[in-house]
N, C-alpha and C. Protein backbone atom coordinates (compact mmCIF):
# COMPACT_ATOMS: atom_id res chain seq x y z
N MET A 1 24.32 163.71 35.60
CA MET A 1 24.54 162.91 34.19
C MET A 1 25.72 162.28 34.21
N ALA A 2 25.98 161.04 33.78
CA ALA A 2 27.46 160.72 33.58
C ALA A 2 28.15 161.08 32.53
N ILE A 3 27.63 161.36 31.31
CA ILE A 3 28.43 161.86 30.13
C ILE A 3 28.85 163.22 30.15
N ILE A 4 30.26 163.28 30.18
CA ILE A 4 30.91 164.42 30.37
C ILE A 4 31.41 165.06 29.04
N ALA A 5 31.53 164.21 28.22
CA ALA A 5 31.85 164.64 26.79
C ALA A 5 31.78 163.68 25.74
N SER A 6 31.61 163.93 24.55
CA SER A 6 31.39 163.03 23.43
C SER A 6 32.33 163.52 22.17
N ARG A 7 33.05 162.53 21.68
CA ARG A 7 33.95 162.98 20.48
C ARG A 7 33.72 161.70 19.17
N ILE A 8 33.89 162.50 18.23
CA ILE A 8 34.08 161.59 16.85
C ILE A 8 35.58 161.39 16.74
N ASP A 9 35.87 160.37 16.57
CA ASP A 9 37.46 160.09 16.29
C ASP A 9 37.55 159.01 15.53
N GLY A 10 37.99 158.77 14.21
CA GLY A 10 38.05 157.56 13.52
C GLY A 10 38.91 156.54 13.99
N ARG A 11 40.01 156.89 14.90
CA ARG A 11 40.85 156.18 15.50
C ARG A 11 40.40 155.52 16.83
N LEU A 12 39.29 155.96 17.21
CA LEU A 12 38.67 155.63 18.48
C LEU A 12 39.50 156.02 19.89
N VAL A 13 40.19 154.86 20.20
CA VAL A 13 41.08 155.21 21.38
C VAL A 13 42.58 155.05 21.03
N HIS A 14 43.38 156.23 21.05
CA HIS A 14 44.65 156.18 20.69
C HIS A 14 45.35 157.45 21.45
N GLY A 15 46.45 157.76 21.31
CA GLY A 15 47.14 158.89 22.09
C GLY A 15 46.37 159.93 22.56
N GLN A 16 45.79 160.71 21.46
CA GLN A 16 44.84 161.93 21.87
C GLN A 16 43.78 161.47 22.68
N VAL A 17 42.75 160.57 22.47
CA VAL A 17 41.86 160.16 23.50
C VAL A 17 42.28 159.70 24.77
N ALA A 18 43.09 158.84 24.67
CA ALA A 18 43.65 158.04 25.83
C ALA A 18 44.14 158.87 26.89
N ASN A 19 45.23 159.87 26.28
CA ASN A 19 46.19 160.68 27.21
C ASN A 19 45.70 162.17 27.55
N LEU A 20 45.39 162.73 26.33
CA LEU A 20 45.09 164.07 26.33
C LEU A 20 43.40 164.36 26.63
N TRP A 21 42.72 163.97 26.06
CA TRP A 21 41.10 164.25 26.14
C TRP A 21 40.94 163.44 27.71
N THR A 22 41.42 162.25 27.97
CA THR A 22 40.81 161.74 29.11
C THR A 22 41.25 162.24 30.27
N THR A 23 42.48 162.77 30.20
CA THR A 23 43.13 163.49 31.50
C THR A 23 42.37 164.63 31.66
N LYS A 24 42.36 165.70 30.62
CA LYS A 24 41.64 166.92 30.52
C LYS A 24 40.34 166.82 31.27
N LEU A 25 39.33 165.85 30.76
CA LEU A 25 38.11 165.68 31.32
C LEU A 25 37.98 164.97 32.69
N GLN A 26 38.95 164.52 32.99
CA GLN A 26 39.20 163.46 34.27
C GLN A 26 38.09 162.53 34.25
N ALA A 27 38.23 161.71 32.83
CA ALA A 27 37.05 160.64 32.76
C ALA A 27 37.56 159.21 33.63
N SER A 28 36.37 158.74 34.17
CA SER A 28 36.48 157.60 34.78
C SER A 28 36.19 156.29 33.79
N ARG A 29 35.66 156.53 32.93
CA ARG A 29 35.02 155.60 31.76
C ARG A 29 35.23 156.12 30.28
N ILE A 30 35.67 155.34 29.45
CA ILE A 30 35.47 155.58 27.92
C ILE A 30 34.50 154.64 27.56
N ILE A 31 33.59 154.81 26.65
CA ILE A 31 32.59 153.99 26.10
C ILE A 31 32.97 154.41 24.55
N VAL A 32 33.37 153.20 24.07
CA VAL A 32 33.79 153.25 22.59
C VAL A 32 32.23 152.75 22.13
N VAL A 33 31.66 153.33 21.15
CA VAL A 33 30.35 152.93 20.52
C VAL A 33 30.67 152.53 19.01
N ASP A 34 30.63 151.50 19.09
CA ASP A 34 31.05 150.95 17.45
C ASP A 34 30.40 149.45 17.46
N ASP A 35 29.44 149.24 16.32
CA ASP A 35 28.83 147.76 16.24
C ASP A 35 29.77 147.16 15.79
N GLU A 36 30.95 147.28 14.91
CA GLU A 36 31.82 146.28 14.49
C GLU A 36 32.94 145.88 15.68
N ALA A 37 33.45 146.84 16.23
CA ALA A 37 34.44 146.54 17.26
C ALA A 37 33.78 145.61 18.47
N SER A 38 32.62 146.15 18.74
CA SER A 38 31.93 145.67 19.81
C SER A 38 31.70 143.81 19.79
N LYS A 39 31.92 143.39 18.35
CA LYS A 39 31.69 142.04 18.12
C LYS A 39 33.14 141.41 17.92
N ASP A 40 34.16 142.25 17.71
CA ASP A 40 35.60 141.60 17.37
C ASP A 40 36.47 141.78 18.71
N LYS A 41 36.76 140.45 19.18
CA LYS A 41 37.62 140.27 20.28
C LYS A 41 39.11 140.69 20.12
N ILE A 42 39.65 140.95 18.95
CA ILE A 42 40.93 141.46 18.63
C ILE A 42 40.80 143.01 18.69
N GLN A 43 39.74 143.52 18.08
CA GLN A 43 39.69 145.20 17.90
C GLN A 43 39.47 145.58 19.54
N LYS A 44 38.56 144.89 20.26
CA LYS A 44 38.42 144.98 21.61
C LYS A 44 39.83 145.15 22.50
N SER A 45 40.33 143.95 22.28
CA SER A 45 41.82 143.92 23.05
C SER A 45 42.86 145.02 22.67
N GLY A 46 42.83 145.46 21.24
CA GLY A 46 43.66 146.54 20.96
C GLY A 46 43.15 147.84 21.73
N LEU A 47 41.98 148.14 21.63
CA LEU A 47 41.39 149.30 22.20
C LEU A 47 41.60 149.11 23.90
N ARG A 48 41.49 148.11 24.56
CA ARG A 48 41.86 148.02 26.03
C ARG A 48 43.37 148.27 26.21
N MET A 49 44.15 147.87 25.35
CA MET A 49 45.73 148.10 25.43
C MET A 49 45.96 149.74 25.30
N ALA A 50 45.12 150.32 24.50
CA ALA A 50 45.52 151.82 24.25
C ALA A 50 44.80 152.58 25.34
N ALA A 51 43.84 152.06 26.14
CA ALA A 51 43.07 152.84 27.29
C ALA A 51 44.10 153.01 28.29
N PRO A 52 44.06 153.93 28.90
CA PRO A 52 44.93 154.23 30.33
C PRO A 52 44.34 153.08 31.33
N MET A 53 45.29 152.70 32.10
CA MET A 53 44.86 151.56 33.10
C MET A 53 43.93 152.33 34.26
N SER A 54 44.06 153.71 34.26
CA SER A 54 43.17 154.13 35.48
C SER A 54 41.61 154.38 34.99
N VAL A 55 41.52 154.06 33.78
CA VAL A 55 40.24 154.32 33.31
C VAL A 55 39.47 153.09 32.82
N ARG A 56 38.31 153.05 32.99
CA ARG A 56 37.48 151.85 32.57
C ARG A 56 37.03 151.83 31.11
N LEU A 57 37.14 150.94 30.55
CA LEU A 57 36.69 151.05 28.96
C LEU A 57 35.49 149.95 28.61
N SER A 58 34.57 150.34 28.08
CA SER A 58 33.50 149.63 27.34
C SER A 58 33.43 149.67 25.94
N VAL A 59 33.29 148.61 25.34
CA VAL A 59 33.21 148.68 23.76
C VAL A 59 31.89 148.08 23.49
N LEU A 60 30.91 148.70 23.05
CA LEU A 60 29.50 148.46 23.02
C LEU A 60 29.04 148.81 21.64
N ASP A 61 27.93 148.10 21.18
CA ASP A 61 27.14 148.49 19.92
C ASP A 61 26.34 149.66 20.31
N ALA A 62 25.58 150.53 19.35
CA ALA A 62 24.89 151.54 19.70
C ALA A 62 23.85 150.91 20.61
N ASP A 63 22.99 150.17 20.36
CA ASP A 63 21.87 149.80 21.04
C ASP A 63 22.11 149.56 22.50
N THR A 64 23.20 148.63 22.76
CA THR A 64 23.54 148.50 24.26
C THR A 64 23.93 149.53 24.87
N ALA A 65 24.85 150.31 24.06
CA ALA A 65 25.25 151.73 24.76
C ALA A 65 24.01 152.71 25.25
N ALA A 66 23.09 152.76 24.35
CA ALA A 66 21.99 153.57 24.49
C ALA A 66 21.30 152.83 25.69
N ASP A 67 21.05 151.62 25.81
CA ASP A 67 20.35 150.84 26.86
C ASP A 67 21.04 151.25 28.40
N HIS A 68 22.23 151.04 28.27
CA HIS A 68 22.98 150.89 29.49
C HIS A 68 23.03 152.53 30.13
N ILE A 69 23.21 153.47 29.19
CA ILE A 69 23.23 154.87 29.65
C ILE A 69 21.88 155.39 30.00
N ASN A 70 21.06 155.08 29.37
CA ASN A 70 19.53 155.49 29.57
C ASN A 70 19.10 154.66 30.85
N ALA A 71 19.50 153.46 31.44
CA ALA A 71 19.28 152.90 32.46
C ALA A 71 19.89 153.39 33.86
N GLY A 72 20.87 154.18 33.36
CA GLY A 72 21.73 154.80 34.60
C GLY A 72 22.78 154.05 35.03
N LYS A 73 23.34 153.08 34.23
CA LYS A 73 24.39 152.43 34.75
C LYS A 73 25.64 152.86 35.08
N TYR A 74 25.80 154.08 34.56
CA TYR A 74 27.12 154.75 34.42
C TYR A 74 26.99 156.24 35.40
N ASP A 75 25.81 156.48 35.93
CA ASP A 75 25.62 157.58 36.66
C ASP A 75 26.55 158.15 37.51
N SER A 76 27.27 157.12 38.19
CA SER A 76 28.08 157.50 39.24
C SER A 76 29.65 157.68 38.64
N GLN A 77 29.75 157.62 37.38
CA GLN A 77 31.22 157.89 36.68
C GLN A 77 31.08 159.00 35.81
N ARG A 78 32.27 159.36 35.55
CA ARG A 78 32.75 160.65 34.52
C ARG A 78 32.93 159.82 33.13
N VAL A 79 31.87 159.85 32.24
CA VAL A 79 31.94 159.06 31.03
C VAL A 79 32.32 159.86 29.69
N PHE A 80 33.13 159.44 29.05
CA PHE A 80 33.57 160.03 27.76
C PHE A 80 33.28 159.03 26.62
N VAL A 81 32.22 159.52 25.63
CA VAL A 81 31.90 158.55 24.68
C VAL A 81 32.58 158.79 23.30
N VAL A 82 32.92 157.87 22.64
CA VAL A 82 33.67 158.02 21.64
C VAL A 82 33.28 157.13 20.37
N ALA A 83 33.01 157.74 19.08
CA ALA A 83 32.49 156.74 17.98
C ALA A 83 33.48 157.41 16.92
N LYS A 84 33.14 156.58 15.55
CA LYS A 84 33.90 156.85 14.59
C LYS A 84 33.00 157.75 13.51
N ARG A 85 31.74 157.82 13.66
CA ARG A 85 30.94 158.49 12.69
C ARG A 85 29.68 159.28 13.33
N PRO A 86 29.25 160.52 12.84
CA PRO A 86 28.17 161.08 13.43
C PRO A 86 26.88 160.26 13.23
N ALA A 87 26.74 159.40 12.27
CA ALA A 87 25.57 158.54 12.73
C ALA A 87 25.44 157.63 13.77
N THR A 88 26.31 157.53 14.37
CA THR A 88 26.36 156.50 15.59
C THR A 88 25.84 157.49 16.82
N PHE A 89 26.23 158.65 16.73
CA PHE A 89 25.94 159.70 17.66
C PHE A 89 24.30 159.86 17.52
N LEU A 90 24.16 160.04 16.25
CA LEU A 90 22.44 160.21 15.76
C LEU A 90 21.76 159.06 16.40
N LYS A 91 21.95 157.90 16.18
CA LYS A 91 21.27 156.96 16.93
C LYS A 91 21.42 156.85 18.32
N LEU A 92 22.30 157.21 18.98
CA LEU A 92 22.28 157.22 20.26
C LEU A 92 21.19 158.48 20.93
N VAL A 93 21.23 159.56 20.25
CA VAL A 93 20.29 160.67 20.41
C VAL A 93 18.77 160.43 20.48
N GLN A 94 18.74 159.53 19.01
CA GLN A 94 17.45 159.13 18.78
C GLN A 94 16.79 158.16 19.76
N LYS A 95 17.73 157.41 20.47
CA LYS A 95 17.13 156.60 21.38
C LYS A 95 17.31 157.23 22.71
N GLY A 96 17.40 158.39 23.04
CA GLY A 96 17.09 159.29 24.08
C GLY A 96 18.50 159.38 24.94
N VAL A 97 19.52 159.04 24.35
CA VAL A 97 20.64 159.50 25.14
C VAL A 97 21.11 161.10 25.07
N PRO A 98 21.20 161.50 26.35
CA PRO A 98 21.16 163.06 26.19
C PRO A 98 22.73 163.49 26.05
N ILE A 99 22.94 163.68 24.74
CA ILE A 99 24.06 164.16 24.29
C ILE A 99 23.82 165.75 23.92
N LYS A 100 24.69 166.64 24.73
CA LYS A 100 24.46 167.95 24.64
C LYS A 100 25.49 168.73 23.56
N GLU A 101 26.57 168.12 23.63
CA GLU A 101 27.68 168.76 22.76
C GLU A 101 28.37 167.54 22.09
N LEU A 102 28.98 167.78 21.08
CA LEU A 102 29.55 166.72 20.06
C LEU A 102 30.86 167.43 19.61
N ASN A 103 32.07 166.87 19.82
CA ASN A 103 33.42 167.39 19.49
C ASN A 103 33.73 166.49 18.38
N VAL A 104 33.70 167.04 17.21
CA VAL A 104 34.36 166.39 15.83
C VAL A 104 35.96 166.52 15.91
N GLY A 105 36.29 165.24 15.96
CA GLY A 105 37.75 165.11 15.95
C GLY A 105 38.27 164.55 14.61
N ASN A 106 39.30 163.68 14.67
CA ASN A 106 39.53 162.93 13.43
C ASN A 106 38.61 162.07 12.51
N MET A 107 38.52 162.46 11.37
CA MET A 107 37.61 161.66 10.46
C MET A 107 38.44 161.45 9.14
N SER A 108 39.03 160.27 8.92
CA SER A 108 39.99 160.05 7.96
C SER A 108 39.66 160.34 6.40
N GLN A 109 40.54 160.84 5.77
CA GLN A 109 40.23 160.99 4.26
C GLN A 109 40.43 159.71 3.49
N THR A 110 39.28 159.49 2.45
CA THR A 110 39.17 158.60 1.61
C THR A 110 38.86 159.17 0.03
N ASN A 111 38.72 158.21 -0.76
CA ASN A 111 38.52 158.79 -2.23
C ASN A 111 37.14 159.43 -2.31
N GLU A 112 36.24 159.21 -1.35
CA GLU A 112 34.96 159.43 -1.46
C GLU A 112 34.74 160.61 -0.43
N THR A 113 35.58 161.10 0.12
CA THR A 113 35.48 162.38 1.27
C THR A 113 35.74 163.62 0.60
N LYS A 114 35.13 164.58 1.23
CA LYS A 114 35.50 166.04 1.14
C LYS A 114 36.05 166.44 2.36
N SER A 115 37.07 167.39 2.22
CA SER A 115 37.93 167.72 3.30
C SER A 115 37.23 168.95 4.06
N VAL A 116 37.03 168.78 5.25
CA VAL A 116 36.43 170.25 5.90
C VAL A 116 37.65 170.77 6.46
N SER A 117 38.52 170.06 7.04
CA SER A 117 39.87 170.54 7.77
C SER A 117 40.95 169.51 7.48
N LYS A 118 42.05 169.89 7.72
CA LYS A 118 43.34 168.97 7.61
C LYS A 118 42.82 167.55 8.16
N SER A 119 42.05 167.32 9.21
CA SER A 119 41.89 166.22 9.97
C SER A 119 40.39 165.65 9.94
N ILE A 120 39.66 166.47 9.23
CA ILE A 120 38.11 166.23 9.39
C ILE A 120 37.79 166.00 7.74
N ASN A 121 37.29 164.89 7.51
CA ASN A 121 36.65 164.59 6.32
C ASN A 121 35.53 163.79 6.18
N VAL A 122 34.73 164.25 5.21
CA VAL A 122 33.15 163.77 5.31
C VAL A 122 32.74 163.25 4.02
N VAL A 123 31.57 162.43 4.15
CA VAL A 123 31.00 161.96 3.06
C VAL A 123 29.41 162.36 3.12
N GLN A 124 28.61 162.39 2.23
CA GLN A 124 27.18 163.04 2.18
C GLN A 124 26.43 162.52 3.53
N GLU A 125 26.56 161.23 3.61
CA GLU A 125 25.90 160.66 4.80
C GLU A 125 26.43 161.23 6.14
N ASP A 126 27.61 161.66 6.50
CA ASP A 126 28.15 162.25 7.33
C ASP A 126 27.54 163.86 7.52
N ILE A 127 27.46 164.21 6.52
CA ILE A 127 26.90 165.66 6.46
C ILE A 127 25.44 165.83 6.86
N ASP A 128 24.55 164.56 6.19
CA ASP A 128 23.29 164.71 6.63
C ASP A 128 23.29 164.33 8.26
N ALA A 129 24.05 163.45 8.86
CA ALA A 129 24.04 163.08 10.04
C ALA A 129 24.10 164.25 11.04
N PHE A 130 25.14 165.09 10.48
CA PHE A 130 25.60 166.44 11.48
C PHE A 130 24.37 167.17 11.42
N HIS A 131 23.67 167.34 10.14
CA HIS A 131 22.54 168.26 10.23
C HIS A 131 21.36 167.97 11.16
N GLU A 132 21.09 166.55 11.28
CA GLU A 132 20.17 165.87 11.97
C GLU A 132 20.41 166.08 13.38
N LEU A 133 21.67 165.91 13.87
CA LEU A 133 22.29 166.09 15.06
C LEU A 133 22.12 167.67 15.57
N ASP A 134 22.33 168.64 14.67
CA ASP A 134 22.03 170.07 14.88
C ASP A 134 20.76 170.25 15.07
N LYS A 135 19.54 169.53 14.44
CA LYS A 135 18.12 169.91 14.60
C LYS A 135 17.83 169.34 15.97
N ALA A 136 18.50 168.13 16.53
CA ALA A 136 18.17 167.69 17.67
C ALA A 136 18.72 168.51 18.79
N GLY A 137 19.52 169.35 18.53
CA GLY A 137 19.94 170.35 19.61
C GLY A 137 21.32 170.09 20.05
N VAL A 138 22.04 169.24 19.53
CA VAL A 138 23.31 168.79 19.80
C VAL A 138 24.42 169.95 19.25
N LYS A 139 24.97 170.54 20.22
CA LYS A 139 26.01 171.63 19.68
C LYS A 139 27.28 170.77 19.10
N LEU A 140 27.70 171.24 17.98
CA LEU A 140 28.59 170.76 17.23
C LEU A 140 29.71 171.54 16.94
N THR A 141 31.07 170.96 17.62
CA THR A 141 32.35 171.85 17.78
C THR A 141 33.41 170.93 16.99
N ALA A 142 34.56 171.66 16.81
CA ALA A 142 35.75 170.87 16.14
C ALA A 142 36.95 171.45 17.20
N GLN A 143 37.61 170.53 17.61
CA GLN A 143 38.78 170.65 18.40
C GLN A 143 39.66 169.18 18.44
N MET A 144 40.83 169.49 17.75
CA MET A 144 41.63 168.13 17.80
C MET A 144 42.20 167.85 19.20
N VAL A 145 42.91 168.63 19.87
CA VAL A 145 43.47 168.57 21.28
C VAL A 145 42.81 169.59 22.19
N PRO A 146 42.64 169.30 23.53
CA PRO A 146 42.44 170.29 24.39
C PRO A 146 43.04 171.38 24.52
N ALA A 147 44.36 171.54 23.84
CA ALA A 147 45.23 172.82 24.05
C ALA A 147 44.64 173.90 22.77
N ASP A 148 43.98 173.09 21.71
CA ASP A 148 43.53 173.86 20.77
C ASP A 148 42.17 174.65 20.87
N ASP A 149 42.01 175.77 20.19
CA ASP A 149 40.73 176.41 20.32
C ASP A 149 39.60 175.63 19.89
N SER A 150 38.30 175.63 20.35
CA SER A 150 37.24 174.95 20.00
C SER A 150 36.43 175.97 18.90
N HIS A 151 35.91 175.42 17.86
CA HIS A 151 35.31 175.97 16.93
C HIS A 151 34.16 175.64 16.51
N ASP A 152 33.00 176.39 16.33
CA ASP A 152 31.87 176.04 15.90
C ASP A 152 31.89 175.22 14.37
N PHE A 153 31.33 173.92 14.48
CA PHE A 153 31.41 173.08 13.18
C PHE A 153 30.80 173.54 12.29
N LEU A 154 29.40 173.74 12.25
CA LEU A 154 28.65 173.88 11.20
C LEU A 154 29.05 175.15 10.23
N PRO A 155 29.59 175.90 10.44
CA PRO A 155 30.27 176.93 9.51
C PRO A 155 31.29 176.40 8.73
N MET A 156 32.06 175.42 9.45
CA MET A 156 33.28 174.78 8.52
C MET A 156 32.50 173.58 7.68
N LEU A 157 31.59 172.99 7.99
CA LEU A 157 30.79 172.19 7.17
C LEU A 157 30.34 172.80 5.87
N ALA A 158 29.80 173.85 6.03
CA ALA A 158 29.04 174.56 5.13
C ALA A 158 30.03 174.86 4.16
N LYS A 159 31.12 174.72 4.22
CA LYS A 159 31.95 175.29 3.18
C LYS A 159 32.24 174.27 2.12
N VAL A 160 32.15 172.88 2.66
CA VAL A 160 32.32 171.76 1.80
C VAL A 160 30.94 171.43 1.21
N GLU A 161 29.74 172.12 1.60
CA GLU A 161 28.37 171.59 0.86
C GLU A 161 27.91 172.13 -0.31
N GLY A 162 29.01 173.01 -0.93
CA GLY A 162 28.60 173.45 -2.24
C GLY A 162 27.82 174.58 -2.06
């Protein structure tokens, strides 16, 4: 299987993803799954500039990403999938993309979010999507950078659910 890791990160491709995670995972391709960015030439350009030159980058909407992954288009590559929200990963899983584990990274704080940790903030829609991913058998972990310990995400999430 081509997918070696999946990560939620509101910043998509930036220093941690581009340098630390991609290097640690020895990824040959980053697939950014974001419906908005996939249609925006400026966002795509910025993401391409942030990605390491040695790694291929695809910026796709969820439907196209699922179609390409399920068709085996990337089977010969080491693919690192990145999206901003858990709902995107839920859509991929519902479309048959085999995601076994999801690393919850940075999710920015807003006036509507509840803080799970210093860098992970969620709204109810995110909480619901995380529970659906769990029901689908996706292991949820929290780990900001490869040097940090990985933590089971559901007990962390339970603390903000009231």
